[in-house]
Amino acid sequence: MTKFCKIQLKSTQEGMKSFIFQDTYITDPTLDETGRYPVDPKKYYGLSDSQIKEMKDSNIPLFEKQVDDYKNVTGSKL
């Protein structure tokens, strides 16, 4: 049986994978929609393992280009 996820990932102009959650573009699924609090992307957003991996593989290099210490600044677990 295949489980279908309601969230559809889209690519931003910068090449990041994102989705809309409560009218907010999410590019880091390990943080809530405010970008301040760590969350479990499976439980909080309902993402699949493959969606999390796709976002991680696409977005981390772009985040790291923008801010060398992105994880230290945001607390992201990506």
C-alpha atoms as a PDB file:
ATOM      1  CA  MET A   1       0.000   0.000   0.000  1.00  0.00           C
ATOM      2  CA  THR A   2       1.326   3.454  -0.942  1.00  0.00           C
ATOM      3  CA  LYS A   3       0.802   6.288   1.499  1.00  0.00           C
ATOM      4  CA  PHE A   4       0.132   9.608  -0.198  1.00  0.00           C
ATOM      5  CA  CYS A   5       1.307  12.785   1.468  1.00  0.00           C
ATOM      6  CA  LYS A   6      -0.839  15.901   1.244  1.00  0.00           C
ATOM      7  CA  ILE A   7       2.185  18.196   0.998  1.00  0.00           C
ATOM      8  CA  GLN A   8       3.600  18.850  -2.451  1.00  0.00           C
ATOM      9  CA  LEU A   9       7.190  20.091  -2.644  1.00  0.00           C
ATOM     10  CA  LYS A  10       7.903  22.954  -5.023  1.00  0.00           C
ATOM     11  CA  SER A  11      11.174  24.479  -6.196  1.00  0.00           C
ATOM     12  CA  THR A  12      11.890  28.126  -5.422  1.00  0.00           C
ATOM     13  CA  GLN A  13      13.687  30.447  -7.841  1.00  0.00           C
ATOM     14  CA  GLU A  14      16.873  29.844  -5.859  1.00  0.00           C
ATOM     15  CA  GLY A  15      16.499  26.083  -6.383  1.00  0.00           C
ATOM     16  CA  MET A  16      15.385  25.228  -2.841  1.00  0.00           C
ATOM     17  CA  LYS A  17      12.654  22.700  -2.195  1.00  0.00           C
ATOM     18  CA  SER A  18       9.770  24.169  -0.210  1.00  0.00           C
ATOM     19  CA  PHE A  19       6.110  23.787   0.637  1.00  0.00           C
ATOM     20  CA  ILE A  20       3.377  26.015   2.016  1.00  0.00           C
ATOM     21  CA  PHE A  21       2.153  25.430   5.563  1.00  0.00           C
ATOM     22  CA  GLN A  22      -0.393  27.816   7.085  1.00  0.00           C
ATOM     23  CA  ASP A  23       0.368  30.456   4.430  1.00  0.00           C
ATOM     24  CA  THR A  24       4.136  30.253   5.102  1.00  0.00           C
ATOM     25  CA  TYR A  25       6.817  28.943   2.740  1.00  0.00           C
ATOM     26  CA  ILE A  26       8.795  26.263   4.563  1.00  0.00           C
ATOM     27  CA  THR A  27      12.339  25.542   3.373  1.00  0.00           C
ATOM     28  CA  ASP A  28      13.630  23.978   6.609  1.00  0.00           C
ATOM     29  CA  PRO A  29      11.215  21.284   7.807  1.00  0.00           C
ATOM     30  CA  THR A  30      13.081  20.817  11.094  1.00  0.00           C
ATOM     31  CA  LEU A  31      11.778  24.195  12.300  1.00  0.00           C
ATOM     32  CA  ASP A  32       8.200  25.375  12.851  1.00  0.00           C
ATOM     33  CA  GLU A  33       6.578  27.931  10.556  1.00  0.00           C
ATOM     34  CA  THR A  34       8.059  30.799  12.599  1.00  0.00           C
ATOM     35  CA  GLY A  35      11.562  29.388  12.096  1.00  0.00           C
ATOM     36  CA  ARG A  36      12.191  29.549  15.847  1.00  0.00           C
ATOM     37  CA  TYR A  37      11.286  26.153  17.279  1.00  0.00           C
ATOM     38  CA  PRO A  38      12.593  22.697  16.358  1.00  0.00           C
ATOM     39  CA  VAL A  39       9.930  20.210  15.232  1.00  0.00           C
ATOM     40  CA  ASP A  40       9.747  16.632  13.997  1.00  0.00           C
ATOM     41  CA  PRO A  41       8.971  17.120  10.272  1.00  0.00           C
ATOM     42  CA  LYS A  42       7.087  13.816  10.061  1.00  0.00           C
ATOM     43  CA  LYS A  43       4.773  14.556  12.966  1.00  0.00           C
ATOM     44  CA  TYR A  44       4.444  18.327  12.609  1.00  0.00           C
ATOM     45  CA  TYR A  45       4.108  18.655   8.832  1.00  0.00           C
ATOM     46  CA  GLY A  46       3.294  15.073   7.840  1.00  0.00           C
ATOM     47  CA  LEU A  47       6.289  14.779   5.507  1.00  0.00           C
ATOM     48  CA  SER A  48       7.565  11.441   4.263  1.00  0.00           C
ATOM     49  CA  ASP A  49      11.170  10.281   4.653  1.00  0.00           C
ATOM     50  CA  SER A  50      11.740  10.811   0.926  1.00  0.00           C
ATOM     51  CA  GLN A  51      10.414  14.393   1.092  1.00  0.00           C
ATOM     52  CA  ILE A  52      12.662  15.189   4.057  1.00  0.00           C
ATOM     53  CA  LYS A  53      15.667  13.720   2.226  1.00  0.00           C
ATOM     54  CA  GLU A  54      14.803  15.618  -0.963  1.00  0.00           C
ATOM     55  CA  MET A  55      14.606  18.905   0.951  1.00  0.00           C
ATOM     56  CA  LYS A  56      17.800  18.167   2.862  1.00  0.00           C
ATOM     57  CA  ASP A  57      19.777  17.231  -0.255  1.00  0.00           C
ATOM     58  CA  SER A  58      18.552  20.284  -2.155  1.00  0.00           C
ATOM     59  CA  ASN A  59      18.507  22.944   0.552  1.00  0.00           C
ATOM     60  CA  ILE A  60      21.518  22.361   2.800  1.00  0.00           C
ATOM     61  CA  PRO A  61      24.125  23.387   0.195  1.00  0.00           C
ATOM     62  CA  LEU A  62      22.117  26.544  -0.528  1.00  0.00           C
ATOM     63  CA  PHE A  63      21.682  27.354   3.179  1.00  0.00           C
ATOM     64  CA  GLU A  64      25.392  26.867   3.755  1.00  0.00           C
ATOM     65  CA  LYS A  65      26.217  29.240   0.912  1.00  0.00           C
ATOM     66  CA  GLN A  66      24.008  31.926   2.473  1.00  0.00           C
ATOM     67  CA  VAL A  67      25.215  31.533   6.042  1.00  0.00           C
ATOM     68  CA  ASP A  68      28.298  29.517   6.928  1.00  0.00           C
ATOM     69  CA  ASP A  69      27.029  28.730  10.408  1.00  0.00           C
ATOM     70  CA  TYR A  70      23.337  28.274   9.509  1.00  0.00           C
ATOM     71  CA  LYS A  71      22.839  25.471  12.016  1.00  0.00           C
ATOM     72  CA  ASN A  72      24.356  27.481  14.845  1.00  0.00           C
ATOM     73  CA  VAL A  73      22.269  30.540  14.009  1.00  0.00           C
ATOM     74  CA  THR A  74      18.915  28.753  13.697  1.00  0.00           C
ATOM     75  CA  GLY A  75      19.279  25.534  15.673  1.00  0.00           C
ATOM     76  CA  SER A  76      18.283  23.589  12.550  1.00  0.00           C
ATOM     77  CA  LYS A  77      18.759  19.832  12.635  1.00  0.00           C
ATOM     78  CA  LEU A  78      18.959  19.554   8.833  1.00  0.00           C
END
